[in-house]
Amino acid sequence: MTSSDDPFQLPGSASATVLVTGAGSGIGFACVRRLAAAGHRVALVDRDAAALAAAVDACARAADGRAGAVSGHRADLTDPAAAAAAVAAALEAHGDLSGVVNAAGAVRGGTVVDTTDDDWRWNLDTNVSTAFYVCRAALPHLVGRGGGAVVNVASLTALRPIPDRAAYAAAKGAVISFTRQLALEYGPHGVTANTVVPGAIRTPLLAARFDREPAVEAELAGRIPLRRTGEPDEVAGLVQLLVTGGCGYLTGQTLTVDGGLSLV
């Protein structure tokens, strides 16, 4: 396969063009910053306007002024029309889309009995419906161009349940199943689909708790084989490899980035 035939690359370019949701903070932000610094074109999507603007600015600096390297699109991806519009805006901004990273997500806790109808729907909408809507809008383009990559971000909670996360665990488990379905259905069209499963990663929300309660982080780190919690950039490194074609024969897989926590 020549570079011009590679579905992960733009014609005549070594750069992938990747849409990343949840790009304003945490793992999503780490992904876009890393992709931009590596020379790829990135379309950032987030519903928080201020966080999105700051992330776009940081990625533009990482891209070192490359024209057209970064675009930002504000959208509430729980709205199917908004998700489709975000994909369309990314295509208009960059002229192509070779990869999608669904990193948007959040949690409302609760046991099965404590979880309200609203909390159940909110967890599903926020964590799995967003990925579905974005993929549904992006796949016709990926298929039409001859292939590309989808990376969906789940959570170790989907594989290793913890108390008080009934709806969240169900939603993230659905992300894994949805991703495997994507791999089966769209593999014949050159599209890979994989799930990245982070463990205890110091995203801003978790880091804030650890900073308030260092004993909690120390206790958790003591149970992790690598004896530390992870950083968002350590997840982003794997995402970059998957979404830019570095693992083009890997699809339908669930890959944990957890320092070994799932082993214990």
C-alpha atoms as a PDB file:
ATOM      1  CA  MET A   1       0.000   0.000   0.000  1.00  0.00           C
ATOM      2  CA  THR A   2       1.417   3.386  -0.958  1.00  0.00           C
ATOM      3  CA  SER A   3       0.972   6.462   1.197  1.00  0.00           C
ATOM      4  CA  SER A   4      -1.642   7.775  -1.256  1.00  0.00           C
ATOM      5  CA  ASP A   5      -3.659   4.568  -0.790  1.00  0.00           C
ATOM      6  CA  ASP A   6      -3.469   4.615   3.006  1.00  0.00           C
ATOM      7  CA  PRO A   7      -6.933   5.413   4.455  1.00  0.00           C
ATOM      8  CA  PHE A   8      -5.320   6.837   7.583  1.00  0.00           C
ATOM      9  CA  GLN A   9      -3.545   9.538   5.597  1.00  0.00           C
ATOM     10  CA  LEU A  10      -4.571  12.504   3.508  1.00  0.00           C
ATOM     11  CA  PRO A  11      -3.453  12.302  -0.128  1.00  0.00           C
ATOM     12  CA  GLY A  12       0.169  13.351  -0.336  1.00  0.00           C
ATOM     13  CA  SER A  13       0.414  13.792   3.427  1.00  0.00           C
ATOM     14  CA  ALA A  14       1.621  11.852   6.427  1.00  0.00           C
ATOM     15  CA  SER A  15      -1.056  13.457   8.572  1.00  0.00           C
ATOM     16  CA  ALA A  16      -4.212  11.808   9.837  1.00  0.00           C
ATOM     17  CA  THR A  17      -7.319  13.918  10.410  1.00  0.00           C
ATOM     18  CA  VAL A  18      -9.014  12.989  13.673  1.00  0.00           C
ATOM     19  CA  LEU A  19     -12.183  14.152  15.403  1.00  0.00           C
ATOM     20  CA  VAL A  20     -11.987  13.888  19.201  1.00  0.00           C
ATOM     21  CA  THR A  21     -14.979  14.305  21.501  1.00  0.00           C
ATOM     22  CA  GLY A  22     -14.632  15.359  25.111  1.00  0.00           C
ATOM     23  CA  ALA A  23     -11.607  17.299  23.883  1.00  0.00           C
ATOM     24  CA  GLY A  24     -11.811  20.076  26.443  1.00  0.00           C
ATOM     25  CA  SER A  25     -10.319  18.185  29.371  1.00  0.00           C
ATOM     26  CA  GLY A  26      -8.931  14.939  30.709  1.00  0.00           C
ATOM     27  CA  ILE A  27      -8.141  12.095  28.346  1.00  0.00           C
ATOM     28  CA  GLY A  28      -9.756  13.821  25.364  1.00  0.00           C
ATOM     29  CA  PHE A  29      -7.555  16.883  25.813  1.00  0.00           C
ATOM     30  CA  ALA A  30      -4.444  14.733  26.197  1.00  0.00           C
ATOM     31  CA  CYS A  31      -5.331  13.007  22.924  1.00  0.00           C
ATOM     32  CA  VAL A  32      -5.790  16.187  20.890  1.00  0.00           C
ATOM     33  CA  ARG A  33      -2.646  17.811  22.261  1.00  0.00           C
ATOM     34  CA  ARG A  34      -0.585  14.721  21.463  1.00  0.00           C
ATOM     35  CA  LEU A  35      -2.081  14.348  17.988  1.00  0.00           C
ATOM     36  CA  ALA A  36      -1.502  18.008  17.146  1.00  0.00           C
ATOM     37  CA  ALA A  37       2.096  17.886  18.376  1.00  0.00           C
ATOM     38  CA  ALA A  38       2.709  14.794  16.228  1.00  0.00           C
ATOM     39  CA  GLY A  39       1.644  16.618  13.075  1.00  0.00           C
ATOM     40  CA  HIS A  40      -1.915  15.359  12.724  1.00  0.00           C
ATOM     41  CA  ARG A  41      -4.977  17.474  12.026  1.00  0.00           C
ATOM     42  CA  VAL A  42      -7.476  17.526  14.868  1.00  0.00           C
ATOM     43  CA  ALA A  43     -11.113  18.568  15.186  1.00  0.00           C
ATOM     44  CA  LEU A  44     -11.957  19.196  18.831  1.00  0.00           C
ATOM     45  CA  VAL A  45     -15.531  18.735  20.046  1.00  0.00           C
ATOM     46  CA  ASP A  46     -16.785  19.602  23.531  1.00  0.00           C
ATOM     47  CA  ARG A  47     -19.947  21.059  25.045  1.00  0.00           C
ATOM     48  CA  ASP A  48     -18.035  23.379  27.426  1.00  0.00           C
ATOM     49  CA  ALA A  49     -17.255  26.497  25.391  1.00  0.00           C
ATOM     50  CA  ALA A  50     -14.551  27.822  27.723  1.00  0.00           C
ATOM     51  CA  ALA A  51     -12.762  24.488  28.006  1.00  0.00           C
ATOM     52  CA  LEU A  52     -12.988  24.013  24.249  1.00  0.00           C
ATOM     53  CA  ALA A  53     -11.479  27.436  23.533  1.00  0.00           C
ATOM     54  CA  ALA A  54      -8.577  26.783  25.907  1.00  0.00           C
ATOM     55  CA  ALA A  55      -7.975  23.359  24.375  1.00  0.00           C
ATOM     56  CA  VAL A  56      -8.015  24.733  20.824  1.00  0.00           C
ATOM     57  CA  ASP A  57      -5.475  27.376  21.835  1.00  0.00           C
ATOM     58  CA  ALA A  58      -3.213  24.781  23.469  1.00  0.00           C
ATOM     59  CA  CYS A  59      -3.436  22.499  20.426  1.00  0.00           C
ATOM     60  CA  ALA A  60      -2.693  25.360  18.046  1.00  0.00           C
ATOM     61  CA  ARG A  61       0.497  26.009  19.994  1.00  0.00           C
ATOM     62  CA  ALA A  62       1.347  22.306  19.919  1.00  0.00           C
ATOM     63  CA  ALA A  63       0.766  22.323  16.147  1.00  0.00           C
ATOM     64  CA  ASP A  64       3.372  25.099  15.893  1.00  0.00           C
ATOM     65  CA  GLY A  65       1.274  27.309  13.659  1.00  0.00           C
ATOM     66  CA  ARG A  66       0.504  24.776  10.934  1.00  0.00           C
ATOM     67  CA  ALA A  67      -2.354  26.231   8.881  1.00  0.00           C
ATOM     68  CA  GLY A  68      -5.625  24.361   9.239  1.00  0.00           C
ATOM     69  CA  ALA A  69      -4.227  21.918  11.773  1.00  0.00           C
ATOM     70  CA  VAL A  70      -6.800  22.567  14.513  1.00  0.00           C
ATOM     71  CA  SER A  71     -10.510  23.336  14.614  1.00  0.00           C
ATOM     72  CA  GLY A  72     -12.993  23.555  17.470  1.00  0.00           C
ATOM     73  CA  HIS A  73     -16.689  22.687  17.440  1.00  0.00           C
ATOM     74  CA  ARG A  74     -19.004  23.204  20.413  1.00  0.00           C
ATOM     75  CA  ALA A  75     -21.755  20.591  20.618  1.00  0.00           C
ATOM     76  CA  ASP A  76     -23.904  18.693  23.092  1.00  0.00           C
ATOM     77  CA  LEU A  77     -23.433  15.250  21.596  1.00  0.00           C
ATOM     78  CA  THR A  78     -26.414  13.782  23.412  1.00  0.00           C
ATOM     79  CA  ASP A  79     -28.399  15.539  20.652  1.00  0.00           C
ATOM     80  CA  PRO A  80     -28.194  13.450  17.441  1.00  0.00           C
ATOM     81  CA  ALA A  81     -28.511  16.526  15.234  1.00  0.00           C
ATOM     82  CA  ALA A  82     -25.705  18.297  17.091  1.00  0.00           C
ATOM     83  CA  ALA A  83     -23.462  15.245  16.722  1.00  0.00           C
ATOM     84  CA  ALA A  84     -24.106  15.116  12.976  1.00  0.00           C
ATOM     85  CA  ALA A  85     -23.437  18.858  12.718  1.00  0.00           C
ATOM     86  CA  ALA A  86     -20.121  18.487  14.571  1.00  0.00           C
ATOM     87  CA  VAL A  87     -18.971  15.802  12.146  1.00  0.00           C
ATOM     88  CA  ALA A  88     -20.053  17.940   9.191  1.00  0.00           C
ATOM     89  CA  ALA A  89     -18.206  20.951  10.610  1.00  0.00           C
ATOM     90  CA  ALA A  90     -15.020  18.906  11.056  1.00  0.00           C
ATOM     91  CA  LEU A  91     -15.243  17.724   7.450  1.00  0.00           C
ATOM     92  CA  GLU A  92     -15.787  21.267   6.237  1.00  0.00           C
ATOM     93  CA  ALA A  93     -12.838  22.546   8.272  1.00  0.00           C
ATOM     94  CA  HIS A  94     -10.359  19.868   7.222  1.00  0.00           C
ATOM     95  CA  GLY A  95     -11.701  18.368   4.019  1.00  0.00           C
ATOM     96  CA  ASP A  96     -11.322  14.840   5.333  1.00  0.00           C
ATOM     97  CA  LEU A  97     -11.768  12.670   8.397  1.00  0.00           C
ATOM     98  CA  SER A  98      -9.698   9.542   8.856  1.00  0.00           C
ATOM     99  CA  GLY A  99     -10.355   8.824  12.526  1.00  0.00           C
ATOM    100  CA  VAL A 100     -12.783   9.334  15.385  1.00  0.00           C
ATOM    101  CA  VAL A 101     -12.002   9.242  19.097  1.00  0.00           C
ATOM    102  CA  ASN A 102     -15.023   9.201  21.386  1.00  0.00           C
ATOM    103  CA  ALA A 103     -13.624  10.339  24.723  1.00  0.00           C
ATOM    104  CA  ALA A 104     -16.684  12.246  25.940  1.00  0.00           C
ATOM    105  CA  GLY A 105     -18.149  10.830  29.126  1.00  0.00           C
ATOM    106  CA  ALA A 106     -19.094  11.508  32.720  1.00  0.00           C
ATOM    107  CA  VAL A 107     -20.566   9.709  35.691  1.00  0.00           C
ATOM    108  CA  ARG A 108     -23.548   9.956  38.008  1.00  0.00           C
ATOM    109  CA  GLY A 109     -23.264   7.423  40.767  1.00  0.00           C
ATOM    110  CA  GLY A 110     -25.861   5.211  42.365  1.00  0.00           C
ATOM    111  CA  THR A 111     -26.701   1.635  43.199  1.00  0.00           C
ATOM    112  CA  VAL A 112     -29.352  -0.160  41.133  1.00  0.00           C
ATOM    113  CA  VAL A 113     -32.060   0.776  43.655  1.00  0.00           C
ATOM    114  CA  ASP A 114     -30.813   4.336  44.153  1.00  0.00           C
ATOM    115  CA  THR A 115     -30.465   5.155  40.443  1.00  0.00           C
ATOM    116  CA  THR A 116     -33.336   7.307  39.238  1.00  0.00           C
ATOM    117  CA  ASP A 117     -34.841   7.034  35.785  1.00  0.00           C
ATOM    118  CA  ASP A 118     -33.230  10.353  34.919  1.00  0.00           C
ATOM    119  CA  ASP A 119     -29.787   9.248  36.132  1.00  0.00           C
ATOM    120  CA  TRP A 120     -30.072   5.990  34.172  1.00  0.00           C
ATOM    121  CA  ARG A 121     -30.918   7.848  30.961  1.00  0.00           C
ATOM    122  CA  TRP A 122     -28.255  10.502  31.632  1.00  0.00           C
ATOM    123  CA  ASN A 123     -25.481   7.925  32.041  1.00  0.00           C
ATOM    124  CA  LEU A 124     -26.486   6.088  28.878  1.00  0.00           C
ATOM    125  CA  ASP A 125     -26.925   9.283  26.857  1.00  0.00           C
ATOM    126  CA  THR A 126     -23.649  10.797  28.023  1.00  0.00           C
ATOM    127  CA  ASN A 127     -21.441   7.734  27.751  1.00  0.00           C
ATOM    128  CA  VAL A 128     -22.754   5.556  24.930  1.00  0.00           C
ATOM    129  CA  SER A 129     -25.358   7.466  22.909  1.00  0.00           C
ATOM    130  CA  THR A 130     -22.809  10.204  22.200  1.00  0.00           C
ATOM    131  CA  ALA A 131     -20.431   7.652  20.672  1.00  0.00           C
ATOM    132  CA  PHE A 132     -23.257   6.089  18.671  1.00  0.00           C
ATOM    133  CA  TYR A 133     -24.438   9.410  17.228  1.00  0.00           C
ATOM    134  CA  VAL A 134     -20.932  10.521  16.261  1.00  0.00           C
ATOM    135  CA  CYS A 135     -20.068   7.184  14.670  1.00  0.00           C
ATOM    136  CA  ARG A 136     -23.364   7.061  12.784  1.00  0.00           C
ATOM    137  CA  ALA A 137     -22.580  10.452  11.275  1.00  0.00           C
ATOM    138  CA  ALA A 138     -18.900   9.732  10.544  1.00  0.00           C
ATOM    139  CA  LEU A 139     -19.063   6.187   9.178  1.00  0.00           C
ATOM    140  CA  PRO A 140     -20.477   7.015   5.734  1.00  0.00           C
ATOM    141  CA  HIS A 141     -17.440   9.229   5.146  1.00  0.00           C
ATOM    142  CA  LEU A 142     -14.969   6.677   6.515  1.00  0.00           C
ATOM    143  CA  VAL A 143     -16.483   3.993   4.301  1.00  0.00           C
ATOM    144  CA  GLY A 144     -16.540   6.303   1.291  1.00  0.00           C
ATOM    145  CA  ARG A 145     -12.858   7.174   1.616  1.00  0.00           C
ATOM    146  CA  GLY A 146     -11.845   3.523   1.902  1.00  0.00           C
ATOM    147  CA  GLY A 147     -11.362   3.202   5.640  1.00  0.00           C
ATOM    148  CA  GLY A 148     -10.206   4.791   8.850  1.00  0.00           C
ATOM    149  CA  ALA A 149     -10.245   4.188  12.583  1.00  0.00           C
ATOM    150  CA  VAL A 150     -12.654   4.515  15.486  1.00  0.00           C
ATOM    151  CA  VAL A 151     -11.428   4.502  19.076  1.00  0.00           C
ATOM    152  CA  ASN A 152     -13.999   4.553  21.863  1.00  0.00           C
ATOM    153  CA  VAL A 153     -12.974   5.260  25.442  1.00  0.00           C
ATOM    154  CA  ALA A 154     -14.718   3.153  28.081  1.00  0.00           C
ATOM    155  CA  SER A 155     -13.773   2.612  31.739  1.00  0.00           C
ATOM    156  CA  LEU A 156     -12.343  -0.171  33.846  1.00  0.00           C
ATOM    157  CA  THR A 157     -15.679  -0.036  35.664  1.00  0.00           C
ATOM    158  CA  ALA A 158     -17.155  -1.875  32.679  1.00  0.00           C
ATOM    159  CA  LEU A 159     -14.872  -4.857  33.339  1.00  0.00           C
ATOM    160  CA  ARG A 160     -14.274  -4.600  37.070  1.00  0.00           C
ATOM    161  CA  PRO A 161     -17.409  -3.191  38.735  1.00  0.00           C
ATOM    162  CA  ILE A 162     -17.163  -0.997  41.808  1.00  0.00           C
ATOM    163  CA  PRO A 163     -19.980  -0.059  44.199  1.00  0.00           C
ATOM    164  CA  ASP A 164     -22.333   2.811  43.434  1.00  0.00           C
ATOM    165  CA  ARG A 165     -21.807   2.843  39.649  1.00  0.00           C
ATOM    166  CA  ALA A 166     -24.738   0.800  38.306  1.00  0.00           C
ATOM    167  CA  ALA A 167     -25.763   2.962  35.355  1.00  0.00           C
ATOM    168  CA  TYR A 168     -22.229   4.102  34.547  1.00  0.00           C
ATOM    169  CA  ALA A 169     -20.891   0.537  34.462  1.00  0.00           C
ATOM    170  CA  ALA A 170     -23.774  -0.508  32.209  1.00  0.00           C
ATOM    171  CA  ALA A 171     -23.129   2.403  29.842  1.00  0.00           C
ATOM    172  CA  LYS A 172     -19.410   1.767  29.585  1.00  0.00           C
ATOM    173  CA  GLY A 173     -20.048  -1.940  29.073  1.00  0.00           C
ATOM    174  CA  ALA A 174     -22.314  -0.970  26.197  1.00  0.00           C
ATOM    175  CA  VAL A 175     -19.472   1.072  24.696  1.00  0.00           C
ATOM    176  CA  ILE A 176     -17.359  -2.099  24.511  1.00  0.00           C
ATOM    177  CA  SER A 177     -20.132  -4.112  22.858  1.00  0.00           C
ATOM    178  CA  PHE A 178     -20.934  -1.275  20.451  1.00  0.00           C
ATOM    179  CA  THR A 179     -17.288  -1.047  19.424  1.00  0.00           C
ATOM    180  CA  ARG A 180     -17.089  -4.757  18.692  1.00  0.00           C
ATOM    181  CA  GLN A 181     -20.209  -4.430  16.537  1.00  0.00           C
ATOM    182  CA  LEU A 182     -18.552  -1.597  14.614  1.00  0.00           C
ATOM    183  CA  ALA A 183     -15.476  -3.739  14.009  1.00  0.00           C
ATOM    184  CA  LEU A 184     -17.572  -6.607  12.659  1.00  0.00           C
ATOM    185  CA  GLU A 185     -19.824  -4.552  10.422  1.00  0.00           C
ATOM    186  CA  TYR A 186     -17.320  -2.071   9.022  1.00  0.00           C
ATOM    187  CA  GLY A 187     -14.119  -4.089   8.905  1.00  0.00           C
ATOM    188  CA  PRO A 188     -14.925  -5.119   5.298  1.00  0.00           C
ATOM    189  CA  HIS A 189     -14.885  -1.390   4.466  1.00  0.00           C
ATOM    190  CA  GLY A 190     -11.413  -0.845   5.933  1.00  0.00           C
ATOM    191  CA  VAL A 191     -12.584   0.645   9.232  1.00  0.00           C
ATOM    192  CA  THR A 192     -10.960  -0.519  12.465  1.00  0.00           C
ATOM    193  CA  ALA A 193     -12.731  -0.083  15.808  1.00  0.00           C
ATOM    194  CA  ASN A 194     -11.198  -0.619  19.233  1.00  0.00           C
ATOM    195  CA  THR A 195     -12.017   0.257  22.827  1.00  0.00           C
ATOM    196  CA  VAL A 196      -9.489   1.794  25.205  1.00  0.00           C
ATOM    197  CA  VAL A 197     -10.254   1.110  28.856  1.00  0.00           C
ATOM    198  CA  PRO A 198      -8.509   3.475  31.294  1.00  0.00           C
ATOM    199  CA  GLY A 199      -8.031   2.551  34.913  1.00  0.00           C
ATOM    200  CA  ALA A 200      -7.192   5.035  37.693  1.00  0.00           C
ATOM    201  CA  ILE A 201      -6.103   8.008  35.579  1.00  0.00           C
ATOM    202  CA  ARG A 202      -5.405  11.431  37.053  1.00  0.00           C
ATOM    203  CA  THR A 203      -7.953  13.352  35.024  1.00  0.00           C
ATOM    204  CA  PRO A 204      -8.783  16.763  36.533  1.00  0.00           C
ATOM    205  CA  LEU A 205     -11.769  15.379  38.434  1.00  0.00           C
ATOM    206  CA  LEU A 206      -9.900  12.444  39.940  1.00  0.00           C
ATOM    207  CA  ALA A 207      -6.740  14.472  40.528  1.00  0.00           C
ATOM    208  CA  ALA A 208      -8.752  17.028  42.509  1.00  0.00           C
ATOM    209  CA  ARG A 209     -10.012  14.277  44.782  1.00  0.00           C
ATOM    210  CA  PHE A 210      -6.547  12.804  45.188  1.00  0.00           C
ATOM    211  CA  ASP A 211      -5.151  16.238  46.037  1.00  0.00           C
ATOM    212  CA  ARG A 212      -7.824  16.627  48.726  1.00  0.00           C
ATOM    213  CA  GLU A 213      -7.410  13.063  49.983  1.00  0.00           C
ATOM    214  CA  PRO A 214      -3.851  11.884  49.285  1.00  0.00           C
ATOM    215  CA  ALA A 215      -4.413   8.810  51.445  1.00  0.00           C
ATOM    216  CA  VAL A 216      -7.066   7.631  48.964  1.00  0.00           C
ATOM    217  CA  GLU A 217      -4.589   7.783  46.085  1.00  0.00           C
ATOM    218  CA  ALA A 218      -1.881   6.109  48.161  1.00  0.00           C
ATOM    219  CA  GLU A 219      -4.214   3.241  49.077  1.00  0.00           C
ATOM    220  CA  LEU A 220      -5.274   2.788  45.472  1.00  0.00           C
ATOM    221  CA  ALA A 221      -1.711   2.978  44.157  1.00  0.00           C
ATOM    222  CA  GLY A 222      -0.736   0.310  46.646  1.00  0.00           C
ATOM    223  CA  ARG A 223      -3.128  -2.112  44.923  1.00  0.00           C
ATOM    224  CA  ILE A 224      -1.909  -1.342  41.394  1.00  0.00           C
ATOM    225  CA  PRO A 225       0.980  -3.542  40.213  1.00  0.00           C
ATOM    226  CA  LEU A 226       2.861  -0.489  38.882  1.00  0.00           C
ATOM    227  CA  ARG A 227       2.279   1.132  42.287  1.00  0.00           C
ATOM    228  CA  ARG A 228       1.021   4.452  40.907  1.00  0.00           C
ATOM    229  CA  THR A 229      -1.967   6.021  39.245  1.00  0.00           C
ATOM    230  CA  GLY A 230      -1.799   6.920  35.562  1.00  0.00           C
ATOM    231  CA  GLU A 231      -1.651  10.144  33.586  1.00  0.00           C
ATOM    232  CA  PRO A 232      -3.992  11.100  30.729  1.00  0.00           C
ATOM    233  CA  ASP A 233      -1.094  11.259  28.294  1.00  0.00           C
ATOM    234  CA  GLU A 234      -0.370   7.579  28.946  1.00  0.00           C
ATOM    235  CA  VAL A 235      -3.821   6.752  27.602  1.00  0.00           C
ATOM    236  CA  ALA A 236      -3.429   9.223  24.752  1.00  0.00           C
ATOM    237  CA  GLY A 237      -0.301   7.430  23.555  1.00  0.00           C
ATOM    238  CA  LEU A 238      -2.276   4.271  22.870  1.00  0.00           C
ATOM    239  CA  VAL A 239      -5.148   6.214  21.294  1.00  0.00           C
ATOM    240  CA  GLN A 240      -2.723   7.944  18.939  1.00  0.00           C
ATOM    241  CA  LEU A 241      -1.289   4.610  17.810  1.00  0.00           C
ATOM    242  CA  LEU A 242      -4.736   3.163  17.165  1.00  0.00           C
ATOM    243  CA  VAL A 243      -6.303   6.129  15.414  1.00  0.00           C
ATOM    244  CA  THR A 244      -3.415   6.998  13.092  1.00  0.00           C
ATOM    245  CA  GLY A 245      -2.958   3.538  11.633  1.00  0.00           C
ATOM    246  CA  GLY A 246      -0.035   2.298  13.700  1.00  0.00           C
ATOM    247  CA  CYS A 247      -2.050  -0.831  14.502  1.00  0.00           C
ATOM    248  CA  GLY A 248      -3.980  -1.180  11.266  1.00  0.00           C
ATOM    249  CA  TYR A 249      -4.619  -4.925  11.658  1.00  0.00           C
ATOM    250  CA  LEU A 250      -5.958  -4.608  15.209  1.00  0.00           C
ATOM    251  CA  THR A 251      -9.725  -4.327  15.468  1.00  0.00           C
ATOM    252  CA  GLY A 252     -12.582  -5.287  17.766  1.00  0.00           C
ATOM    253  CA  GLN A 253     -10.281  -5.319  20.783  1.00  0.00           C
ATOM    254  CA  THR A 254     -10.651  -4.027  24.326  1.00  0.00           C
ATOM    255  CA  LEU A 255      -7.335  -2.629  25.550  1.00  0.00           C
ATOM    256  CA  THR A 256      -6.814  -1.743  29.199  1.00  0.00           C
ATOM    257  CA  VAL A 257      -4.487   1.049  30.294  1.00  0.00           C
ATOM    258  CA  ASP A 258      -4.582   0.555  34.041  1.00  0.00           C
ATOM    259  CA  GLY A 259      -1.108  -0.165  35.391  1.00  0.00           C
ATOM    260  CA  GLY A 260      -2.209  -3.750  35.922  1.00  0.00           C
ATOM    261  CA  LEU A 261      -5.147  -2.994  38.222  1.00  0.00           C
ATOM    262  CA  SER A 262      -7.397  -5.386  36.316  1.00  0.00           C
ATOM    263  CA  LEU A 263      -5.027  -8.213  37.259  1.00  0.00           C
ATOM    264  CA  VAL A 264      -5.718  -7.990  40.977  1.00  0.00           C
END
